[in-house]
Protein backbone atom coordinates (compact mmCIF):
# COMPACT_ATOMS: atom_id res chain seq x y z
CA MET A 1 13.79 -11.92 192.66
CA THR A 2 10.45 -12.45 190.91
CA ALA A 3 9.46 -15.65 189.16
CA ALA A 4 9.42 -13.85 185.81
CA ARG A 5 12.99 -12.65 186.28
CA THR A 6 14.22 -16.09 187.37
CA LEU A 7 12.59 -17.68 184.33
CA ALA A 8 14.03 -14.97 182.09
CA GLU A 9 17.55 -15.58 183.40
CA PHE A 10 17.22 -19.31 182.77
CA ALA A 11 15.87 -18.87 179.24
CA LEU A 12 18.51 -16.38 178.18
CA GLY A 13 21.33 -18.33 179.79
CA LEU A 14 20.48 -21.55 177.94
CA ARG A 15 22.97 -22.64 175.30
CA TYR A 16 22.41 -25.24 172.61
CA GLU A 17 25.50 -27.15 173.71
CA ASP A 18 24.15 -27.45 177.26
CA ILE A 19 20.87 -29.08 176.27
CA PRO A 20 20.85 -32.90 176.63
CA ALA A 21 20.58 -34.82 173.37
CA THR A 22 17.35 -36.52 174.47
CA VAL A 23 15.77 -33.12 175.09
CA LEU A 24 16.80 -31.82 171.68
CA GLU A 25 15.39 -34.97 170.08
CA ARG A 26 11.97 -34.48 171.70
CA ALA A 27 11.97 -30.81 170.71
CA ARG A 28 12.85 -31.63 167.10
CA ILE A 29 10.17 -34.34 166.88
CA SER A 30 7.58 -31.90 168.26
CA LEU A 31 8.64 -29.27 165.71
CA ILE A 32 8.42 -31.73 162.79
CA ASP A 33 5.03 -32.97 163.93
CA THR A 34 3.72 -29.41 164.19
CA VAL A 35 4.92 -28.41 160.74
CA GLY A 36 2.94 -31.35 159.37
CA ALA A 37 -0.17 -30.47 161.39
CA ALA A 38 -0.04 -26.79 160.41
CA SER A 39 0.54 -27.58 156.74
CA PHE A 40 -2.47 -29.92 156.76
CA GLY A 41 -4.54 -27.35 158.65
CA ALA A 42 -3.81 -24.61 156.11
CA HIS A 43 -6.45 -25.88 153.72
CA LEU A 44 -9.34 -26.14 156.16
CA PRO A 45 -12.00 -23.44 155.82
CA TRP A 46 -11.48 -21.85 159.24
CA SER A 47 -7.72 -21.71 158.67
CA ARG A 48 -8.21 -20.04 155.33
CA MET A 49 -10.20 -17.31 157.05
CA VAL A 50 -7.36 -16.65 159.50
CA ALA A 51 -4.70 -16.76 156.78
CA ALA A 52 -6.75 -14.39 154.62
CA TYR A 53 -6.99 -11.97 157.54
CA GLY A 54 -3.23 -12.16 157.98
CA SER A 55 -2.32 -11.72 154.33
CA SER A 56 -4.75 -8.84 153.81
CA ASN A 57 -3.57 -6.92 156.89
CA SER A 58 0.15 -7.61 156.84
CA ALA A 59 2.81 -5.94 154.75
CA PRO A 60 4.98 -8.42 152.81
CA GLY A 61 7.42 -10.23 155.09
CA GLU A 62 9.79 -13.17 155.47
CA ALA A 63 7.63 -15.42 157.67
CA GLN A 64 5.80 -18.16 155.80
CA ILE A 65 2.25 -19.26 156.45
CA LEU A 66 2.81 -23.02 156.37
CA GLY A 67 1.16 -25.03 153.64
CA THR A 68 0.89 -21.92 151.44
CA SER A 69 3.18 -19.64 149.45
CA LEU A 70 2.22 -16.62 151.56
CA ARG A 71 4.97 -14.73 153.37
CA VAL A 72 3.91 -12.09 155.87
CA ARG A 73 5.19 -10.28 158.96
CA ALA A 74 5.94 -12.35 162.04
CA PRO A 75 2.84 -11.59 164.17
CA PHE A 76 0.49 -12.56 161.34
CA ALA A 77 2.44 -15.72 160.51
CA ALA A 78 2.39 -16.72 164.19
CA LEU A 79 -1.37 -16.17 164.31
CA ALA A 80 -2.03 -18.19 161.17
CA ASN A 81 0.40 -21.03 161.92
CA GLY A 82 -0.73 -21.38 165.53
CA ALA A 83 -4.35 -21.61 164.41
CA GLN A 84 -3.46 -24.03 161.61
CA ALA A 85 -1.44 -26.27 163.91
CA HIS A 86 -4.45 -26.58 166.21
CA ALA A 87 -6.93 -26.55 163.34
CA PHE A 88 -7.73 -30.25 163.35
CA GLU A 89 -6.80 -31.71 166.75
CA LEU A 90 -3.43 -32.91 165.49
CA ASP A 91 -0.91 -30.90 167.52
CA SER A 92 1.23 -32.18 170.38
CA LEU A 93 0.64 -32.08 174.14
CA CYS A 94 2.48 -33.27 177.26
CA GLN A 95 2.29 -36.19 179.63
CA PRO A 96 1.76 -35.45 182.47
CA SER A 97 -0.53 -32.74 181.21
CA VAL A 98 -0.37 -29.22 182.57
CA GLY A 99 -2.55 -27.51 179.96
CA VAL A 100 0.10 -26.76 177.35
CA HIS A 101 0.26 -27.51 173.62
CA PRO A 102 4.00 -27.18 173.00
CA GLY A 103 4.05 -27.81 169.27
CA ALA A 104 1.57 -25.12 168.25
CA SER A 105 2.51 -22.68 171.03
CA LEU A 106 6.24 -22.75 170.28
CA THR A 107 6.67 -23.71 166.61
CA ALA A 108 4.42 -20.93 165.30
CA PRO A 109 6.26 -18.02 166.98
CA ALA A 110 9.67 -19.69 166.60
CA LEU A 111 9.37 -20.04 162.83
CA ALA A 112 7.73 -16.64 162.40
CA VAL A 113 10.37 -14.69 164.33
CA GLY A 114 13.21 -16.97 163.23
CA GLN A 115 12.42 -16.47 159.55
CA GLU A 116 11.95 -12.74 160.00
CA LEU A 117 15.37 -12.45 161.66
CA GLY A 118 17.13 -15.05 159.51
CA ALA A 119 18.01 -17.09 162.61
CA SER A 120 19.93 -20.36 162.53
CA GLY A 121 18.42 -23.74 163.25
CA LYS A 122 20.44 -24.03 166.45
CA ALA A 123 19.15 -20.66 167.69
CA LEU A 124 15.58 -21.71 166.89
CA MET A 125 15.90 -25.04 168.71
CA THR A 126 17.49 -23.40 171.76
CA ALA A 127 14.64 -20.89 171.91
CA PHE A 128 12.12 -23.73 171.49
CA VAL A 129 13.51 -25.64 174.48
CA ALA A 130 13.71 -22.48 176.61
CA GLY A 131 10.09 -21.68 175.79
CA PHE A 132 9.01 -25.25 176.54
CA GLU A 133 10.68 -25.33 179.94
CA VAL A 134 9.19 -21.99 181.00
CA MET A 135 5.72 -22.67 179.60
CA TYR A 136 5.45 -26.12 181.17
CA ARG A 137 6.34 -24.75 184.61
CA ILE A 138 3.66 -22.05 184.35
CA GLY A 139 1.03 -24.65 183.51
CA ASP A 140 2.35 -26.91 186.27
CA ALA A 141 2.12 -24.11 188.86
CA ALA A 142 -1.51 -23.52 187.80
CA ARG A 143 -2.17 -27.23 188.56
CA HIS A 144 -4.19 -27.54 185.35
CA SER A 145 -7.09 -25.77 187.06
CA SER A 146 -7.81 -23.11 184.43
CA GLU A 147 -10.25 -25.25 182.47
CA HIS A 148 -12.36 -25.83 185.57
CA LEU A 149 -12.87 -22.04 185.52
CA GLY A 150 -13.88 -22.00 181.86
CA PHE A 151 -10.58 -21.02 180.24
CA HIS A 152 -8.92 -23.04 177.47
CA ALA A 153 -5.54 -23.60 179.11
CA PRO A 154 -3.23 -23.51 176.04
CA GLY A 155 -4.71 -20.15 175.08
CA LEU A 156 -3.24 -18.89 178.35
CA THR A 157 0.06 -20.74 178.74
CA GLY A 158 0.97 -20.48 175.06
CA VAL A 159 1.44 -16.72 175.26
CA PHE A 160 4.31 -17.10 177.71
CA GLY A 161 6.01 -19.82 175.67
CA GLY A 162 5.77 -17.65 172.58
CA ALA A 163 7.13 -14.60 174.40
CA VAL A 164 10.17 -16.58 175.59
CA VAL A 165 10.84 -18.03 172.13
CA ALA A 166 10.64 -14.60 170.51
CA GLY A 167 12.71 -12.95 173.23
CA CYS A 168 15.47 -15.54 172.92
CA LEU A 169 15.64 -15.15 169.14
CA HIS A 170 15.78 -11.36 169.51
CA GLY A 171 18.66 -11.71 171.97
CA PHE A 172 16.94 -9.94 174.86
CA ASP A 173 18.53 -9.01 178.14
CA VAL A 174 16.89 -10.19 181.36
CA ASP A 175 14.91 -6.96 181.90
CA ARG A 176 13.28 -7.13 178.49
CA MET A 177 12.45 -10.82 178.81
CA ALA A 178 10.87 -10.29 182.22
CA HIS A 179 8.79 -7.46 180.78
CA ALA A 180 7.77 -9.63 177.83
CA LEU A 181 6.40 -12.18 180.31
CA GLY A 182 4.70 -9.39 182.24
CA ILE A 183 3.05 -8.10 179.07
CA GLY A 184 2.10 -11.64 178.07
CA GLY A 185 -0.06 -12.03 181.16
CA SER A 186 -2.50 -9.51 179.69
CA MET A 187 -2.62 -11.36 176.36
CA CYS A 188 -4.05 -14.59 177.81
CA SER A 189 -7.46 -15.57 176.44
CA GLY A 190 -9.71 -18.39 175.32
CA LEU A 191 -13.02 -19.67 176.70
CA ILE A 192 -13.97 -23.32 176.66
CA GLU A 193 -17.69 -22.66 176.14
CA PHE A 194 -17.37 -24.08 172.61
CA SER A 195 -17.51 -27.54 174.22
CA LYS A 196 -21.00 -26.86 175.54
CA SER A 197 -22.78 -24.73 172.95
CA GLY A 198 -20.95 -25.17 169.65
CA GLY A 199 -19.03 -22.56 167.72
CA GLY A 200 -16.00 -24.82 167.71
CA MET A 201 -14.09 -22.80 165.11
CA VAL A 202 -13.03 -20.48 167.91
CA LYS A 203 -11.14 -23.32 169.59
CA ARG A 204 -8.76 -23.35 166.63
CA LEU A 205 -8.10 -19.65 167.10
CA HIS A 206 -6.90 -19.92 170.70
CA LEU A 207 -3.47 -21.31 169.79
CA GLY A 208 -3.08 -18.74 167.03
CA ARG A 209 -3.89 -15.89 169.37
CA ALA A 210 -1.48 -17.29 171.96
CA ALA A 211 1.35 -17.44 169.41
CA GLU A 212 0.54 -13.97 168.13
CA GLY A 213 0.28 -12.65 171.69
CA GLY A 214 3.73 -14.01 172.52
CA VAL A 215 5.25 -12.28 169.49
CA LEU A 216 3.43 -9.04 170.29
CA ALA A 217 4.54 -9.11 173.94
CA ALA A 218 8.17 -9.64 172.93
CA SER A 219 8.01 -6.97 170.21
CA LEU A 220 6.70 -4.39 172.65
CA ALA A 221 9.25 -5.35 175.32
CA ARG A 222 12.01 -5.01 172.73
CA ASP A 223 11.05 -1.36 172.28
CA GLY A 224 10.91 -0.61 176.02
CA PHE A 225 7.25 -1.39 176.81
CA THR A 226 6.85 -2.70 180.37
CA GLY A 227 4.73 -5.25 182.18
CA PRO A 228 4.15 -6.08 185.87
CA ALA A 229 7.10 -7.64 187.66
CA GLN A 230 5.00 -10.18 189.59
CA VAL A 231 2.86 -11.24 186.65
CA PHE A 232 2.66 -14.80 187.97
CA GLU A 233 2.68 -14.71 191.77
CA GLY A 234 1.26 -11.23 192.41
CA LYS A 235 -2.02 -10.49 194.20
CA PHE A 236 -3.81 -10.11 190.85
CA GLY A 237 -1.32 -12.12 188.80
CA PHE A 238 -1.79 -15.08 186.50
CA LEU A 239 -2.00 -17.73 189.22
CA THR A 240 -4.73 -15.81 191.03
CA ALA A 241 -6.75 -14.81 187.98
CA PHE A 242 -6.55 -18.00 185.94
CA ALA A 243 -5.99 -20.78 188.49
CA ARG A 244 -7.13 -22.23 191.79
CA ASP A 245 -4.99 -23.91 194.44
CA ALA A 246 -1.87 -22.86 192.54
CA GLU A 247 1.62 -23.80 193.69
CA PRO A 248 3.90 -20.85 192.83
CA GLN A 249 7.06 -22.72 193.84
CA ARG A 250 6.63 -24.91 190.75
CA LEU A 251 7.28 -21.89 188.53
CA THR A 252 11.03 -22.08 189.02
CA ALA A 253 11.60 -25.58 190.38
CA ASN A 254 14.54 -27.58 189.02
CA LEU A 255 15.42 -25.22 186.19
CA GLY A 256 18.21 -26.76 184.15
CA THR A 257 18.12 -30.08 185.98
CA VAL A 258 14.66 -31.45 185.17
CA TRP A 259 13.79 -31.16 181.47
CA HIS A 260 10.05 -31.09 180.86
CA THR A 261 10.59 -31.01 177.09
CA GLU A 262 11.03 -34.79 177.33
CA LYS A 263 7.33 -34.97 178.24
CA ALA A 264 6.17 -33.93 174.75
CA MET A 265 3.45 -36.27 173.46
CA LEU A 266 2.34 -36.66 169.84
CA LYS A 267 -1.16 -37.48 168.66
CA ARG A 268 -2.02 -40.37 166.35
CA TYR A 269 -5.57 -39.36 165.50
CA ALA A 270 -7.28 -36.08 164.62
CA CYS A 271 -9.26 -35.94 167.83
CA HIS A 272 -8.98 -34.72 171.40
CA ILE A 273 -6.27 -36.46 173.38
CA THR A 274 -8.84 -37.82 175.85
CA ALA A 275 -10.15 -40.12 173.10
CA HIS A 276 -6.77 -41.51 172.05
CA VAL A 277 -6.70 -44.50 174.39
CA PRO A 278 -10.35 -45.48 173.71
CA VAL A 279 -9.74 -45.21 169.96
CA THR A 280 -6.55 -47.28 170.26
CA ALA A 281 -8.46 -49.88 172.29
CA ILE A 282 -11.16 -50.05 169.61
CA LEU A 283 -8.52 -50.64 166.93
CA ASP A 284 -7.02 -53.43 169.05
CA LEU A 285 -10.45 -55.08 169.43
CA LYS A 286 -11.10 -54.80 165.69
CA ALA A 287 -7.77 -56.42 164.94
CA GLN A 288 -8.22 -59.21 167.51
CA HIS A 289 -11.85 -60.09 166.82
CA GLY A 290 -12.54 -58.90 163.28
CA ILE A 291 -15.51 -56.77 164.31
CA THR A 292 -16.91 -53.77 162.45
CA GLY A 293 -19.22 -50.96 163.47
CA ALA A 294 -22.17 -52.89 162.07
CA ASP A 295 -21.60 -55.63 164.67
CA VAL A 296 -21.81 -53.30 167.68
CA ALA A 297 -24.92 -52.69 169.77
CA SER A 298 -23.38 -50.41 172.42
CA VAL A 299 -20.12 -49.32 174.00
CA THR A 300 -19.41 -48.26 177.57
CA VAL A 301 -16.23 -46.29 178.17
CA TRP A 302 -14.85 -45.82 181.67
CA GLY A 303 -12.35 -42.95 181.75
CA ASN A 304 -11.31 -39.92 183.77
CA GLU A 305 -13.61 -37.28 185.22
CA LYS A 306 -12.80 -34.76 182.50
CA MET A 307 -13.87 -37.26 179.85
CA VAL A 308 -17.23 -37.47 181.61
CA SER A 309 -17.65 -33.72 182.26
CA HIS A 310 -16.24 -32.27 179.01
CA HIS A 311 -16.22 -34.99 176.36
CA THR A 312 -19.48 -36.93 176.71
CA ILE A 313 -21.09 -35.43 173.60
CA ASN A 314 -23.48 -37.89 171.98
CA GLU A 315 -24.97 -35.44 169.48
CA PRO A 316 -22.08 -33.27 168.24
CA GLY A 317 -23.34 -30.26 166.32
CA ASP A 318 -20.23 -29.55 164.29
CA LEU A 319 -16.95 -31.15 163.37
CA ALA A 320 -14.99 -29.48 166.18
CA MET A 321 -17.41 -30.86 168.77
CA ALA A 322 -17.25 -34.27 167.07
CA GLN A 323 -13.45 -34.32 167.44
CA TYR A 324 -13.91 -33.25 171.06
CA SER A 325 -16.47 -36.03 171.68
CA THR A 326 -15.32 -39.38 173.05
CA PRO A 327 -18.51 -41.15 171.85
CA PHE A 328 -18.10 -39.86 168.30
CA CYS A 329 -14.40 -40.75 168.12
CA VAL A 330 -15.13 -44.27 169.35
CA ALA A 331 -17.95 -44.60 166.82
CA LEU A 332 -15.77 -43.32 163.99
CA ALA A 333 -13.02 -45.79 164.91
CA LEU A 334 -15.53 -48.64 164.70
CA HIS A 335 -16.66 -47.63 161.20
CA ARG A 336 -13.60 -45.96 159.62
CA ASP A 337 -9.79 -45.76 159.89
CA PRO A 338 -9.04 -43.02 162.47
CA LEU A 339 -5.37 -42.87 161.45
CA ASP A 340 -6.45 -41.00 158.31
CA PRO A 341 -7.35 -37.46 159.44
CA ARG A 342 -9.52 -37.04 156.36
CA ASN A 343 -12.00 -39.50 157.87
CA PHE A 344 -12.87 -36.87 160.49
CA SER A 345 -15.13 -35.24 157.93
CA GLU A 346 -18.51 -33.59 157.55
CA GLU A 347 -19.59 -36.60 155.52
CA ASN A 348 -18.82 -38.99 158.35
CA LEU A 349 -20.25 -36.59 160.92
CA GLN A 350 -23.59 -36.93 159.10
CA ASP A 351 -23.27 -40.67 158.41
CA ALA A 352 -26.37 -42.34 159.86
CA ALA A 353 -24.58 -45.51 161.03
CA ILE A 354 -21.81 -43.56 162.79
CA ARG A 355 -24.35 -41.25 164.44
CA GLU A 356 -26.35 -44.23 165.67
CA THR A 357 -23.27 -45.85 167.19
CA CYS A 358 -22.32 -42.52 168.77
CA ARG A 359 -25.69 -42.33 170.53
CA ASN A 360 -25.06 -45.78 171.96
CA VAL A 361 -21.71 -44.92 173.59
CA SER A 362 -21.94 -44.12 177.30
CA VAL A 363 -19.12 -42.68 179.41
CA GLN A 364 -18.51 -43.27 183.13
CA VAL A 365 -15.72 -42.59 185.60
CA LEU A 366 -13.13 -45.37 185.88
CA PRO A 367 -12.49 -46.49 189.48
CA GLU A 368 -9.17 -45.25 190.84
CA SER A 369 -8.08 -48.82 191.48
CA GLU A 370 -7.96 -49.41 187.70
CA GLN A 371 -6.24 -46.15 186.78
CA LYS A 372 -2.59 -46.37 185.82
CA ASN A 373 -2.52 -42.79 184.48
CA ARG A 374 -4.98 -40.08 183.46
CA PHE A 375 -5.60 -41.79 180.10
CA SER A 376 -6.50 -45.21 181.52
CA CYS A 377 -9.77 -46.55 180.11
CA ARG A 378 -11.89 -49.65 180.21
CA LEU A 379 -14.19 -50.38 177.28
CA VAL A 380 -17.02 -52.91 177.19
CA VAL A 381 -18.29 -53.45 173.66
CA LYS A 382 -21.63 -55.26 173.43
CA LEU A 383 -22.16 -56.96 170.09
CA LYS A 384 -25.52 -57.49 168.47
CA ASN A 385 -25.08 -61.25 168.80
CA GLY A 386 -25.00 -60.87 172.62
CA ARG A 387 -21.26 -61.27 173.03
CA GLU A 388 -19.28 -58.79 175.16
CA LEU A 389 -15.69 -57.67 174.61
CA ASP A 390 -13.84 -56.10 177.53
CA ILE A 391 -10.49 -54.29 177.33
CA LEU A 392 -8.45 -52.21 179.80
CA ALA A 393 -5.94 -49.86 178.14
CA HIS A 394 -3.54 -47.24 179.41
CA ASP A 395 -1.49 -45.79 176.56
CA PHE A 396 -0.94 -45.29 172.83
CA GLU A 397 1.99 -44.84 170.50
CA GLY A 398 3.14 -41.23 170.76
CA MET A 399 3.32 -40.98 174.55
CA PRO A 400 6.74 -40.13 176.08
CA HIS A 401 7.40 -43.68 177.25
CA ARG A 402 6.17 -45.11 173.94
CA PRO A 403 7.35 -42.60 171.32
CA LEU A 404 6.65 -42.72 167.62
CA THR A 405 9.46 -44.29 165.64
CA ARG A 406 11.17 -42.15 163.03
CA ASP A 407 9.35 -44.14 160.34
CA ALA A 408 5.97 -43.67 162.02
CA LEU A 409 6.61 -39.94 162.41
CA GLY A 410 7.57 -39.74 158.74
CA ALA A 411 4.44 -41.64 157.71
CA LYS A 412 2.25 -39.24 159.68
CA PHE A 413 4.09 -36.24 158.21
CA ARG A 414 3.54 -37.51 154.67
CA ARG A 415 -0.15 -38.24 155.32
CA LEU A 416 -0.57 -34.65 156.47
CA THR A 417 1.40 -32.95 153.71
CA THR A 418 0.56 -35.05 150.67
CA GLY A 419 -1.12 -33.09 147.89
CA ILE A 420 0.09 -29.65 149.01
CA ALA A 421 1.22 -27.81 145.91
CA GLY A 422 4.96 -27.17 145.85
CA PHE A 423 5.57 -28.99 149.16
CA GLU A 424 8.30 -31.61 148.76
CA ASP A 425 7.63 -33.57 151.92
CA ASP A 426 10.72 -35.80 151.86
CA ARG A 427 13.08 -32.88 151.33
CA VAL A 428 11.42 -30.79 154.05
CA LEU A 429 11.43 -33.75 156.43
CA THR A 430 15.16 -34.29 155.84
CA ARG A 431 15.88 -30.61 156.51
CA LEU A 432 13.83 -30.60 159.69
CA HIS A 433 15.60 -33.68 161.03
CA ALA A 434 18.89 -31.85 160.42
CA ILE A 435 17.67 -28.44 161.55
CA ALA A 436 20.73 -27.88 163.73
CA ASP A 437 22.77 -27.64 160.51
CA VAL A 438 20.48 -25.04 158.89
CA ALA A 439 22.18 -21.65 158.71
CA ASN A 440 19.01 -19.67 157.99
CA VAL A 441 15.53 -21.03 158.74
CA ARG A 442 14.08 -18.94 155.91
CA THR A 443 15.34 -21.70 153.61
CA LEU A 444 13.58 -24.59 155.38
CA PHE A 445 10.64 -24.76 152.97
CA ASP A 446 12.25 -23.44 149.78
């Protein structure tokens, strides 16, 4: 019994009625959040390029490119929506992290295939949870080591989540689903070099390619195309090629008893998740002490090792690197409102005061004795008048133990979708909250 076959049996055996209500709630919130992020992302220049590629190469179809009136075939919609969802650092993650972006990786293929097939909301949500549970376990077995090797983890794990979602909606048998996972292993891609030498547009593409790859893998498996049986644990399988010190037993551990979907985590700001606690801490200091960016001489951030190795970018060359940079995000939060994604702009990237503050933010590793979780940070803000402000912070609203309220989720959704022609945000939001009652997901955005 291979890992792929065990995972396939679990995914195909899952029934909506068997999924705990708390799990369905987290899945629905992640879906809603992703629709907002993808709709916002549709109008960014790099997203327009991907959508234009899709619309010019696809025959007319039933799958909608979110935030637009375009309807294309499922693989092209998955590509565009996955890229749009990740287009501006707004899509969901997990805590604890295992290198998966569940919202973009699952919503894009689920909507694309679901709309193409005319699936029900219950079928879509069941497929979403099945994909989440499988995808999380693959990332967990890899021990989040892929990025140490230079791969962008969600560009790898997302393919498998997408393949499971598509296979469930197609009503696969176990053989076809196992082959879809086997095929998906050869669709994994995405280098993290953008964080070192620019070219950050490509980062947005990784989630689109993962979603498209999942749909392609399932489409080929549907027609009898085969993939390797031991795609995960084999001698040259995923865990050997894309991971180090992997733990294959985690691939199938606690299926149906431990629900990783409950670990979905939503972002508050349009920046890398590593910066969310520092940005939240800055907002707390501004509220407590009435400071502004003009009052600050320097900031020292103590965080995790990845923040130091990947996110200490004091001179970001483009907007993608700025959103990936802890110093820039801290500087922006001191000078602007980071809750408005439109403040992560080219104008503010070139703002002299923000750039100066960014240069004066240093990042160091937080001692283990002060770490409560991987996001724990200490900030020391030195003011120009000689005063020092010190804050230790561990979380932000949107984490699993501190979820967004329904009102806060709605406010974020409206911020992201306001101004989109023909998009009635309140009506769409109501439909998404009641997605289990939707007979055909083609009608979600009508």
